[in-house]
């Protein structure tokens, strides 16, 4: 292969890689909660929200928006949009804009659906969804590297303690964000990184409840990295830095003494068995998280 062809090949692969990171197919659920007709008032209201969400002042200010459009129960559309706290306003607006354009294509004529990209989420429903803690439907991802048996005690203890700390932060911190990120050393140049976030309309106690339900599910697979997307909260942990370093400064410590940890009891020898009934309708995908960053 000539040098010029090698350069063309290299840059074409580079472009594909960059494009893949910024425009991966979304994760979504099209829920069987009813359908609307074409040219109906409901469709008109939905299109109205889709066309204005990315320019909503609240999205620009906080990265979150809960809004609705409609005159009565039959045609009212409720929407929630949320961006990851550690991204820029420009990235947030861009993600929401892409999501609003993709939404009608993936869930046509369905009254309730939810879509996730790695850095933003979009929900629509004909029922009220604001200020309600909802864990279903959820989607879980786990990498293919298991925690070595000799390191499980240290790993799960560190993960449990860090989760308790972060859950306390979002429980007592500014409800406009409901976001926390942290890390802990595992020794031998290893570290564990965790990021949690709830929709800001959720009260601190309910946010904490949502996170621990997701946590209870995610650790049952014994992987060194995992992530859960849920309507009301998101949780991710890895053994490498996956969030913006400034995110550590965005996580304000609690201003009052936290209540005792309410996380599930962690076995020091192996991953605990998932509590039955905590999260239903979860899709599990074993993939490498590098594809989503």
C-alpha atoms as a PDB file:
ATOM      1  CA  UNK A   1       0.000   0.000   0.000  1.00  0.00           C
ATOM      2  CA  UNK A   2       1.447   3.407  -0.986  1.00  0.00           C
ATOM      3  CA  UNK A   3       2.028   6.116   1.607  1.00  0.00           C
ATOM      4  CA  UNK A   4      -0.753   8.291   0.152  1.00  0.00           C
ATOM      5  CA  UNK A   5      -3.209   5.398   0.261  1.00  0.00           C
ATOM      6  CA  UNK A   6      -2.157   4.649   3.815  1.00  0.00           C
ATOM      7  CA  UNK A   7      -2.926   8.256   4.766  1.00  0.00           C
ATOM      8  CA  UNK A   8      -6.326   8.092   3.075  1.00  0.00           C
ATOM      9  CA  UNK A   9      -7.077   4.827   4.874  1.00  0.00           C
ATOM     10  CA  UNK A  10      -5.913   6.229   8.210  1.00  0.00           C
ATOM     11  CA  UNK A  11      -7.947   9.409   8.006  1.00  0.00           C
ATOM     12  CA  UNK A  12     -11.042   7.603   6.736  1.00  0.00           C
ATOM     13  CA  UNK A  13     -10.832   5.282   9.740  1.00  0.00           C
ATOM     14  CA  UNK A  14     -10.300   8.283  12.016  1.00  0.00           C
ATOM     15  CA  UNK A  15     -13.368  10.033  10.618  1.00  0.00           C
ATOM     16  CA  UNK A  16     -15.452   6.892  11.111  1.00  0.00           C
ATOM     17  CA  UNK A  17     -14.238   6.645  14.716  1.00  0.00           C
ATOM     18  CA  UNK A  18     -15.030  10.268  15.523  1.00  0.00           C
ATOM     19  CA  UNK A  19     -18.446  10.033  13.863  1.00  0.00           C
ATOM     20  CA  UNK A  20     -19.244   6.809  15.725  1.00  0.00           C
ATOM     21  CA  UNK A  21     -18.484   8.421  19.072  1.00  0.00           C
ATOM     22  CA  UNK A  22     -20.733  11.400  18.430  1.00  0.00           C
ATOM     23  CA  UNK A  23     -23.637   9.769  16.616  1.00  0.00           C
ATOM     24  CA  UNK A  24     -24.061   6.248  17.919  1.00  0.00           C
ATOM     25  CA  UNK A  25     -27.587   4.863  17.545  1.00  0.00           C
ATOM     26  CA  UNK A  26     -29.701   5.772  20.575  1.00  0.00           C
ATOM     27  CA  UNK A  27     -30.974   3.321  23.144  1.00  0.00           C
ATOM     28  CA  UNK A  28     -34.733   3.447  23.423  1.00  0.00           C
ATOM     29  CA  UNK A  29     -38.000   1.885  24.503  1.00  0.00           C
ATOM     30  CA  UNK A  30     -41.223   2.384  22.556  1.00  0.00           C
ATOM     31  CA  UNK A  31     -43.800   1.576  25.224  1.00  0.00           C
ATOM     32  CA  UNK A  32     -47.140  -0.030  24.482  1.00  0.00           C
ATOM     33  CA  UNK A  33     -49.131   2.702  26.219  1.00  0.00           C
ATOM     34  CA  UNK A  34     -51.377   3.798  23.407  1.00  0.00           C
ATOM     35  CA  UNK A  35     -51.082   5.349  19.963  1.00  0.00           C
ATOM     36  CA  UNK A  36     -52.017   8.654  18.363  1.00  0.00           C
ATOM     37  CA  UNK A  37     -53.365   9.263  14.868  1.00  0.00           C
ATOM     38  CA  UNK A  38     -51.603  11.216  12.168  1.00  0.00           C
ATOM     39  CA  UNK A  39     -52.750  14.828  11.921  1.00  0.00           C
ATOM     40  CA  UNK A  40     -54.283  14.607  15.409  1.00  0.00           C
ATOM     41  CA  UNK A  41     -54.059  17.336  18.040  1.00  0.00           C
ATOM     42  CA  UNK A  42     -51.758  15.069  20.040  1.00  0.00           C
ATOM     43  CA  UNK A  43     -49.329  14.815  17.112  1.00  0.00           C
ATOM     44  CA  UNK A  44     -49.429  18.581  16.678  1.00  0.00           C
ATOM     45  CA  UNK A  45     -48.583  19.094  20.362  1.00  0.00           C
ATOM     46  CA  UNK A  46     -45.798  16.514  20.196  1.00  0.00           C
ATOM     47  CA  UNK A  47     -44.268  18.211  17.178  1.00  0.00           C
ATOM     48  CA  UNK A  48     -44.558  21.527  18.971  1.00  0.00           C
ATOM     49  CA  UNK A  49     -42.507  20.228  21.896  1.00  0.00           C
ATOM     50  CA  UNK A  50     -39.994  18.507  19.621  1.00  0.00           C
ATOM     51  CA  UNK A  51     -39.342  21.740  17.763  1.00  0.00           C
ATOM     52  CA  UNK A  52     -38.703  23.841  20.875  1.00  0.00           C
ATOM     53  CA  UNK A  53     -37.015  21.587  23.453  1.00  0.00           C
ATOM     54  CA  UNK A  54     -33.412  22.192  22.408  1.00  0.00           C
ATOM     55  CA  UNK A  55     -33.961  25.965  22.617  1.00  0.00           C
ATOM     56  CA  UNK A  56     -35.799  25.841  25.953  1.00  0.00           C
ATOM     57  CA  UNK A  57     -34.180  28.316  28.404  1.00  0.00           C
ATOM     58  CA  UNK A  58     -34.056  25.675  31.143  1.00  0.00           C
ATOM     59  CA  UNK A  59     -32.000  23.364  28.914  1.00  0.00           C
ATOM     60  CA  UNK A  60     -29.540  26.203  28.382  1.00  0.00           C
ATOM     61  CA  UNK A  61     -29.438  27.048  32.081  1.00  0.00           C
ATOM     62  CA  UNK A  62     -29.520  23.706  33.898  1.00  0.00           C
ATOM     63  CA  UNK A  63     -29.427  20.984  31.243  1.00  0.00           C
ATOM     64  CA  UNK A  64     -32.888  19.842  32.330  1.00  0.00           C
ATOM     65  CA  UNK A  65     -36.434  20.574  31.234  1.00  0.00           C
ATOM     66  CA  UNK A  66     -39.819  19.198  32.273  1.00  0.00           C
ATOM     67  CA  UNK A  67     -42.645  20.605  30.198  1.00  0.00           C
ATOM     68  CA  UNK A  68     -46.019  19.824  28.635  1.00  0.00           C
ATOM     69  CA  UNK A  69     -48.286  21.036  25.861  1.00  0.00           C
ATOM     70  CA  UNK A  70     -52.025  20.489  25.500  1.00  0.00           C
ATOM     71  CA  UNK A  71     -55.452  21.647  26.614  1.00  0.00           C
ATOM     72  CA  UNK A  72     -56.918  18.443  28.047  1.00  0.00           C
ATOM     73  CA  UNK A  73     -55.976  14.926  29.103  1.00  0.00           C
ATOM     74  CA  UNK A  74     -56.587  13.481  25.653  1.00  0.00           C
ATOM     75  CA  UNK A  75     -54.134  15.667  23.767  1.00  0.00           C
ATOM     76  CA  UNK A  76     -51.574  16.744  26.394  1.00  0.00           C
ATOM     77  CA  UNK A  77     -47.990  15.667  25.756  1.00  0.00           C
ATOM     78  CA  UNK A  78     -45.545  15.602  28.673  1.00  0.00           C
ATOM     79  CA  UNK A  79     -41.804  15.734  28.065  1.00  0.00           C
ATOM     80  CA  UNK A  80     -38.592  15.457  30.080  1.00  0.00           C
ATOM     81  CA  UNK A  81     -35.144  16.237  28.675  1.00  0.00           C
ATOM     82  CA  UNK A  82     -31.940  15.765  30.661  1.00  0.00           C
ATOM     83  CA  UNK A  83     -28.262  16.211  29.866  1.00  0.00           C
ATOM     84  CA  UNK A  84     -25.303  14.808  31.727  1.00  0.00           C
ATOM     85  CA  UNK A  85     -24.099  17.432  34.168  1.00  0.00           C
ATOM     86  CA  UNK A  86     -20.425  17.299  33.154  1.00  0.00           C
ATOM     87  CA  UNK A  87     -20.906  18.228  29.490  1.00  0.00           C
ATOM     88  CA  UNK A  88     -20.960  21.709  27.965  1.00  0.00           C
ATOM     89  CA  UNK A  89     -24.126  23.635  27.159  1.00  0.00           C
ATOM     90  CA  UNK A  90     -23.278  23.353  23.468  1.00  0.00           C
ATOM     91  CA  UNK A  91     -22.966  19.565  23.711  1.00  0.00           C
ATOM     92  CA  UNK A  92     -26.227  19.389  25.640  1.00  0.00           C
ATOM     93  CA  UNK A  93     -28.189  21.438  23.121  1.00  0.00           C
ATOM     94  CA  UNK A  94     -26.708  19.443  20.249  1.00  0.00           C
ATOM     95  CA  UNK A  95     -27.632  16.113  21.851  1.00  0.00           C
ATOM     96  CA  UNK A  96     -31.204  17.194  22.606  1.00  0.00           C
ATOM     97  CA  UNK A  97     -31.549  18.562  19.081  1.00  0.00           C
ATOM     98  CA  UNK A  98     -30.443  15.238  17.578  1.00  0.00           C
ATOM     99  CA  UNK A  99     -32.750  13.314  19.924  1.00  0.00           C
ATOM    100  CA  UNK A 100     -35.801  15.394  18.964  1.00  0.00           C
ATOM    101  CA  UNK A 101     -35.144  14.732  15.273  1.00  0.00           C
ATOM    102  CA  UNK A 102     -34.619  10.994  15.761  1.00  0.00           C
ATOM    103  CA  UNK A 103     -37.567  10.439  18.100  1.00  0.00           C
ATOM    104  CA  UNK A 104     -40.415  10.449  15.540  1.00  0.00           C
ATOM    105  CA  UNK A 105     -38.546   7.915  13.417  1.00  0.00           C
ATOM    106  CA  UNK A 106     -37.888   5.289  16.079  1.00  0.00           C
ATOM    107  CA  UNK A 107     -41.237   5.368  17.893  1.00  0.00           C
ATOM    108  CA  UNK A 108     -43.809   6.586  15.366  1.00  0.00           C
ATOM    109  CA  UNK A 109     -47.321   7.250  16.681  1.00  0.00           C
ATOM    110  CA  UNK A 110     -46.597   5.894  20.168  1.00  0.00           C
ATOM    111  CA  UNK A 111     -47.744   8.036  23.066  1.00  0.00           C
ATOM    112  CA  UNK A 112     -45.010   6.995  25.490  1.00  0.00           C
ATOM    113  CA  UNK A 113     -41.357   6.403  24.720  1.00  0.00           C
ATOM    114  CA  UNK A 114     -37.894   7.080  26.086  1.00  0.00           C
ATOM    115  CA  UNK A 115     -34.553   7.556  24.388  1.00  0.00           C
ATOM    116  CA  UNK A 116     -31.010   7.699  25.732  1.00  0.00           C
ATOM    117  CA  UNK A 117     -27.760   8.839  24.239  1.00  0.00           C
ATOM    118  CA  UNK A 118     -24.648   8.630  26.389  1.00  0.00           C
ATOM    119  CA  UNK A 119     -24.919  12.304  27.339  1.00  0.00           C
ATOM    120  CA  UNK A 120     -28.646  13.046  27.188  1.00  0.00           C
ATOM    121  CA  UNK A 121     -32.099  11.552  27.679  1.00  0.00           C
ATOM    122  CA  UNK A 122     -35.503  12.376  26.214  1.00  0.00           C
ATOM    123  CA  UNK A 123     -38.937  11.144  27.356  1.00  0.00           C
ATOM    124  CA  UNK A 124     -42.465  11.696  26.109  1.00  0.00           C
ATOM    125  CA  UNK A 125     -45.762  10.508  27.566  1.00  0.00           C
ATOM    126  CA  UNK A 126     -49.475  11.259  27.571  1.00  0.00           C
ATOM    127  CA  UNK A 127     -49.465  10.897  31.376  1.00  0.00           C
ATOM    128  CA  UNK A 128     -47.801  13.020  34.028  1.00  0.00           C
ATOM    129  CA  UNK A 129     -44.157  11.941  34.477  1.00  0.00           C
ATOM    130  CA  UNK A 130     -42.749  14.899  36.396  1.00  0.00           C
ATOM    131  CA  UNK A 131     -41.590  14.382  40.003  1.00  0.00           C
ATOM    132  CA  UNK A 132     -42.204  10.649  39.861  1.00  0.00           C
ATOM    133  CA  UNK A 133     -39.490   8.120  40.617  1.00  0.00           C
ATOM    134  CA  UNK A 134     -39.556   5.513  37.850  1.00  0.00           C
ATOM    135  CA  UNK A 135     -36.981   2.757  37.424  1.00  0.00           C
ATOM    136  CA  UNK A 136     -38.705   0.990  34.527  1.00  0.00           C
ATOM    137  CA  UNK A 137     -38.009   0.547  31.735  1.00  0.00           C
ATOM    138  CA  UNK A 138     -34.269   0.293  32.296  1.00  0.00           C
ATOM    139  CA  UNK A 139     -31.284  -0.724  30.231  1.00  0.00           C
ATOM    140  CA  UNK A 140     -28.081  -2.165  31.692  1.00  0.00           C
ATOM    141  CA  UNK A 141     -24.611  -2.559  30.229  1.00  0.00           C
ATOM    142  CA  UNK A 142     -21.675  -4.492  31.622  1.00  0.00           C
ATOM    143  CA  UNK A 143     -18.173  -4.943  30.293  1.00  0.00           C
ATOM    144  CA  UNK A 144     -16.700  -8.391  29.823  1.00  0.00           C
ATOM    145  CA  UNK A 145     -14.007  -8.105  32.499  1.00  0.00           C
ATOM    146  CA  UNK A 146     -14.897  -9.692  35.828  1.00  0.00           C
ATOM    147  CA  UNK A 147     -13.452  -8.561  39.132  1.00  0.00           C
ATOM    148  CA  UNK A 148     -10.645 -11.017  40.054  1.00  0.00           C
ATOM    149  CA  UNK A 149     -11.621 -13.152  43.016  1.00  0.00           C
ATOM    150  CA  UNK A 150      -8.572 -12.006  44.993  1.00  0.00           C
ATOM    151  CA  UNK A 151      -9.671  -8.356  44.630  1.00  0.00           C
ATOM    152  CA  UNK A 152     -13.406  -8.687  45.233  1.00  0.00           C
ATOM    153  CA  UNK A 153     -13.355  -7.777  48.909  1.00  0.00           C
ATOM    154  CA  UNK A 154     -11.534  -4.520  48.288  1.00  0.00           C
ATOM    155  CA  UNK A 155     -13.459  -3.728  45.102  1.00  0.00           C
ATOM    156  CA  UNK A 156     -16.984  -4.172  46.467  1.00  0.00           C
ATOM    157  CA  UNK A 157     -16.185  -2.463  49.757  1.00  0.00           C
ATOM    158  CA  UNK A 158     -14.792   0.552  47.909  1.00  0.00           C
ATOM    159  CA  UNK A 159     -17.708   0.637  45.469  1.00  0.00           C
ATOM    160  CA  UNK A 160     -20.285   0.372  48.250  1.00  0.00           C
ATOM    161  CA  UNK A 161     -18.700   3.139  50.322  1.00  0.00           C
ATOM    162  CA  UNK A 162     -18.345   5.453  47.334  1.00  0.00           C
ATOM    163  CA  UNK A 163     -21.958   4.844  46.311  1.00  0.00           C
ATOM    164  CA  UNK A 164     -23.138   5.663  49.828  1.00  0.00           C
ATOM    165  CA  UNK A 165     -21.143   8.886  49.702  1.00  0.00           C
ATOM    166  CA  UNK A 166     -22.435   9.965  46.302  1.00  0.00           C
ATOM    167  CA  UNK A 167     -26.031   9.052  47.132  1.00  0.00           C
ATOM    168  CA  UNK A 168     -25.774  11.236  50.235  1.00  0.00           C
ATOM    169  CA  UNK A 169     -24.480  14.107  48.129  1.00  0.00           C
ATOM    170  CA  UNK A 170     -27.387  14.032  45.692  1.00  0.00           C
ATOM    171  CA  UNK A 171     -29.808  13.487  48.560  1.00  0.00           C
ATOM    172  CA  UNK A 172     -28.835  16.700  50.344  1.00  0.00           C
ATOM    173  CA  UNK A 173     -27.361  18.838  47.560  1.00  0.00           C
ATOM    174  CA  UNK A 174     -28.904  21.396  45.215  1.00  0.00           C
ATOM    175  CA  UNK A 175     -31.915  19.706  43.613  1.00  0.00           C
ATOM    176  CA  UNK A 176     -31.361  21.655  40.386  1.00  0.00           C
ATOM    177  CA  UNK A 177     -28.654  19.169  39.479  1.00  0.00           C
ATOM    178  CA  UNK A 178     -29.020  15.864  41.394  1.00  0.00           C
ATOM    179  CA  UNK A 179     -25.553  14.883  40.163  1.00  0.00           C
ATOM    180  CA  UNK A 180     -22.445  13.530  41.837  1.00  0.00           C
ATOM    181  CA  UNK A 181     -19.172  11.969  40.733  1.00  0.00           C
ATOM    182  CA  UNK A 182     -16.267  10.582  42.700  1.00  0.00           C
ATOM    183  CA  UNK A 183     -13.323   8.253  42.732  1.00  0.00           C
ATOM    184  CA  UNK A 184     -11.437   6.086  45.191  1.00  0.00           C
ATOM    185  CA  UNK A 185      -8.003   4.488  45.054  1.00  0.00           C
ATOM    186  CA  UNK A 186      -7.775   0.708  44.883  1.00  0.00           C
ATOM    187  CA  UNK A 187      -3.992   0.656  45.269  1.00  0.00           C
ATOM    188  CA  UNK A 188      -1.361  -0.497  42.765  1.00  0.00           C
ATOM    189  CA  UNK A 189      -2.142   2.476  40.488  1.00  0.00           C
ATOM    190  CA  UNK A 190      -5.780   1.397  40.215  1.00  0.00           C
ATOM    191  CA  UNK A 191      -8.825   3.530  40.910  1.00  0.00           C
ATOM    192  CA  UNK A 192     -12.594   3.263  40.775  1.00  0.00           C
ATOM    193  CA  UNK A 193     -14.718   6.028  39.258  1.00  0.00           C
ATOM    194  CA  UNK A 194     -18.458   6.423  39.813  1.00  0.00           C
ATOM    195  CA  UNK A 195     -20.984   8.892  38.451  1.00  0.00           C
ATOM    196  CA  UNK A 196     -24.662   9.166  39.441  1.00  0.00           C
ATOM    197  CA  UNK A 197     -27.450  11.451  38.277  1.00  0.00           C
ATOM    198  CA  UNK A 198     -31.196  11.820  38.737  1.00  0.00           C
ATOM    199  CA  UNK A 199     -33.691  14.039  36.991  1.00  0.00           C
ATOM    200  CA  UNK A 200     -33.645  17.315  38.990  1.00  0.00           C
ATOM    201  CA  UNK A 201     -37.413  17.228  39.524  1.00  0.00           C
ATOM    202  CA  UNK A 202     -36.919  14.245  41.825  1.00  0.00           C
ATOM    203  CA  UNK A 203     -36.695  14.851  45.579  1.00  0.00           C
ATOM    204  CA  UNK A 204     -33.381  13.880  47.179  1.00  0.00           C
ATOM    205  CA  UNK A 205     -34.790  10.877  49.031  1.00  0.00           C
ATOM    206  CA  UNK A 206     -36.429   9.484  45.896  1.00  0.00           C
ATOM    207  CA  UNK A 207     -33.268  10.112  43.893  1.00  0.00           C
ATOM    208  CA  UNK A 208     -31.296   8.078  46.420  1.00  0.00           C
ATOM    209  CA  UNK A 209     -33.885   5.283  46.243  1.00  0.00           C
ATOM    210  CA  UNK A 210     -33.636   5.166  42.454  1.00  0.00           C
ATOM    211  CA  UNK A 211     -29.839   5.032  42.518  1.00  0.00           C
ATOM    212  CA  UNK A 212     -29.716   2.165  44.979  1.00  0.00           C
ATOM    213  CA  UNK A 213     -32.214   0.147  42.962  1.00  0.00           C
ATOM    214  CA  UNK A 214     -29.969   0.616  39.938  1.00  0.00           C
ATOM    215  CA  UNK A 215     -26.904  -0.150  42.056  1.00  0.00           C
ATOM    216  CA  UNK A 216     -28.444  -3.331  43.425  1.00  0.00           C
ATOM    217  CA  UNK A 217     -28.955  -4.533  39.880  1.00  0.00           C
ATOM    218  CA  UNK A 218     -25.656  -3.475  38.376  1.00  0.00           C
ATOM    219  CA  UNK A 219     -23.309  -5.091  40.906  1.00  0.00           C
ATOM    220  CA  UNK A 220     -24.958  -8.481  40.594  1.00  0.00           C
ATOM    221  CA  UNK A 221     -22.994  -9.144  37.409  1.00  0.00           C
ATOM    222  CA  UNK A 222     -19.539  -8.873  38.987  1.00  0.00           C
ATOM    223  CA  UNK A 223     -18.005  -6.721  36.241  1.00  0.00           C
ATOM    224  CA  UNK A 224     -15.276  -4.120  36.638  1.00  0.00           C
ATOM    225  CA  UNK A 225     -17.507  -1.633  34.828  1.00  0.00           C
ATOM    226  CA  UNK A 226     -21.204  -1.155  34.331  1.00  0.00           C
ATOM    227  CA  UNK A 227     -23.962   1.298  33.611  1.00  0.00           C
ATOM    228  CA  UNK A 228     -27.730   1.503  34.070  1.00  0.00           C
ATOM    229  CA  UNK A 229     -30.053   3.881  32.235  1.00  0.00           C
ATOM    230  CA  UNK A 230     -33.442   4.377  33.913  1.00  0.00           C
ATOM    231  CA  UNK A 231     -36.125   7.038  33.404  1.00  0.00           C
ATOM    232  CA  UNK A 232     -35.401   8.772  36.711  1.00  0.00           C
ATOM    233  CA  UNK A 233     -31.714   8.057  37.286  1.00  0.00           C
ATOM    234  CA  UNK A 234     -28.454   6.868  35.798  1.00  0.00           C
ATOM    235  CA  UNK A 235     -25.475   5.137  37.343  1.00  0.00           C
ATOM    236  CA  UNK A 236     -22.086   4.210  35.959  1.00  0.00           C
ATOM    237  CA  UNK A 237     -18.825   2.899  37.404  1.00  0.00           C
ATOM    238  CA  UNK A 238     -15.511   2.114  35.735  1.00  0.00           C
ATOM    239  CA  UNK A 239     -11.870   1.544  36.574  1.00  0.00           C
ATOM    240  CA  UNK A 240     -10.899   4.472  34.359  1.00  0.00           C
ATOM    241  CA  UNK A 241     -11.882   8.130  34.192  1.00  0.00           C
ATOM    242  CA  UNK A 242     -14.928   8.401  31.924  1.00  0.00           C
ATOM    243  CA  UNK A 243     -16.411  11.731  33.047  1.00  0.00           C
ATOM    244  CA  UNK A 244     -14.958  15.218  32.763  1.00  0.00           C
ATOM    245  CA  UNK A 245     -12.499  15.898  35.633  1.00  0.00           C
ATOM    246  CA  UNK A 246     -14.419  19.078  36.511  1.00  0.00           C
ATOM    247  CA  UNK A 247     -17.343  16.843  37.461  1.00  0.00           C
ATOM    248  CA  UNK A 248     -15.611  16.161  40.779  1.00  0.00           C
ATOM    249  CA  UNK A 249     -15.963  19.855  41.645  1.00  0.00           C
ATOM    250  CA  UNK A 250     -19.648  19.836  40.667  1.00  0.00           C
ATOM    251  CA  UNK A 251     -20.445  17.321  43.394  1.00  0.00           C
ATOM    252  CA  UNK A 252     -21.081  19.333  46.522  1.00  0.00           C
ATOM    253  CA  UNK A 253     -20.726  17.396  49.798  1.00  0.00           C
ATOM    254  CA  UNK A 254     -23.836  17.180  51.993  1.00  0.00           C
ATOM    255  CA  UNK A 255     -24.380  20.089  54.342  1.00  0.00           C
ATOM    256  CA  UNK A 256     -26.093  18.005  56.997  1.00  0.00           C
ATOM    257  CA  UNK A 257     -25.146  14.750  58.612  1.00  0.00           C
ATOM    258  CA  UNK A 258     -26.270  11.943  56.274  1.00  0.00           C
ATOM    259  CA  UNK A 259     -28.516   9.167  57.428  1.00  0.00           C
ATOM    260  CA  UNK A 260     -27.027   5.674  57.721  1.00  0.00           C
ATOM    261  CA  UNK A 261     -26.338   4.063  54.319  1.00  0.00           C
ATOM    262  CA  UNK A 262     -29.326   2.301  52.810  1.00  0.00           C
ATOM    263  CA  UNK A 263     -27.439   0.455  50.111  1.00  0.00           C
ATOM    264  CA  UNK A 264     -27.757  -3.307  49.790  1.00  0.00           C
ATOM    265  CA  UNK A 265     -25.479  -5.413  51.943  1.00  0.00           C
ATOM    266  CA  UNK A 266     -22.324  -6.201  49.971  1.00  0.00           C
ATOM    267  CA  UNK A 267     -20.712  -9.606  50.192  1.00  0.00           C
ATOM    268  CA  UNK A 268     -16.949  -9.383  50.629  1.00  0.00           C
ATOM    269  CA  UNK A 269     -16.233 -12.536  48.678  1.00  0.00           C
ATOM    270  CA  UNK A 270     -18.449 -12.393  45.618  1.00  0.00           C
ATOM    271  CA  UNK A 271     -21.078 -10.174  44.001  1.00  0.00           C
ATOM    272  CA  UNK A 272     -24.408 -10.250  45.816  1.00  0.00           C
ATOM    273  CA  UNK A 273     -27.433 -11.827  44.241  1.00  0.00           C
ATOM    274  CA  UNK A 274     -29.793  -9.283  42.806  1.00  0.00           C
ATOM    275  CA  UNK A 275     -32.869  -8.677  44.920  1.00  0.00           C
ATOM    276  CA  UNK A 276     -35.834  -9.972  42.992  1.00  0.00           C
ATOM    277  CA  UNK A 277     -38.340  -7.430  41.832  1.00  0.00           C
ATOM    278  CA  UNK A 278     -36.130  -4.347  42.161  1.00  0.00           C
ATOM    279  CA  UNK A 279     -35.855  -3.588  38.468  1.00  0.00           C
ATOM    280  CA  UNK A 280     -38.159  -5.089  35.906  1.00  0.00           C
ATOM    281  CA  UNK A 281     -38.053  -5.027  32.147  1.00  0.00           C
ATOM    282  CA  UNK A 282     -34.288  -4.493  31.989  1.00  0.00           C
ATOM    283  CA  UNK A 283     -32.346  -5.128  28.820  1.00  0.00           C
ATOM    284  CA  UNK A 284     -28.802  -6.372  29.485  1.00  0.00           C
ATOM    285  CA  UNK A 285     -26.072  -5.864  26.930  1.00  0.00           C
ATOM    286  CA  UNK A 286     -22.537  -7.163  27.467  1.00  0.00           C
ATOM    287  CA  UNK A 287     -20.424  -4.688  25.545  1.00  0.00           C
ATOM    288  CA  UNK A 288     -17.267  -2.669  25.963  1.00  0.00           C
ATOM    289  CA  UNK A 289     -18.010   0.822  27.216  1.00  0.00           C
ATOM    290  CA  UNK A 290     -15.316   2.318  25.042  1.00  0.00           C
ATOM    291  CA  UNK A 291     -17.906   2.180  22.264  1.00  0.00           C
ATOM    292  CA  UNK A 292     -20.061   4.685  24.139  1.00  0.00           C
ATOM    293  CA  UNK A 293     -17.434   7.279  24.943  1.00  0.00           C
END
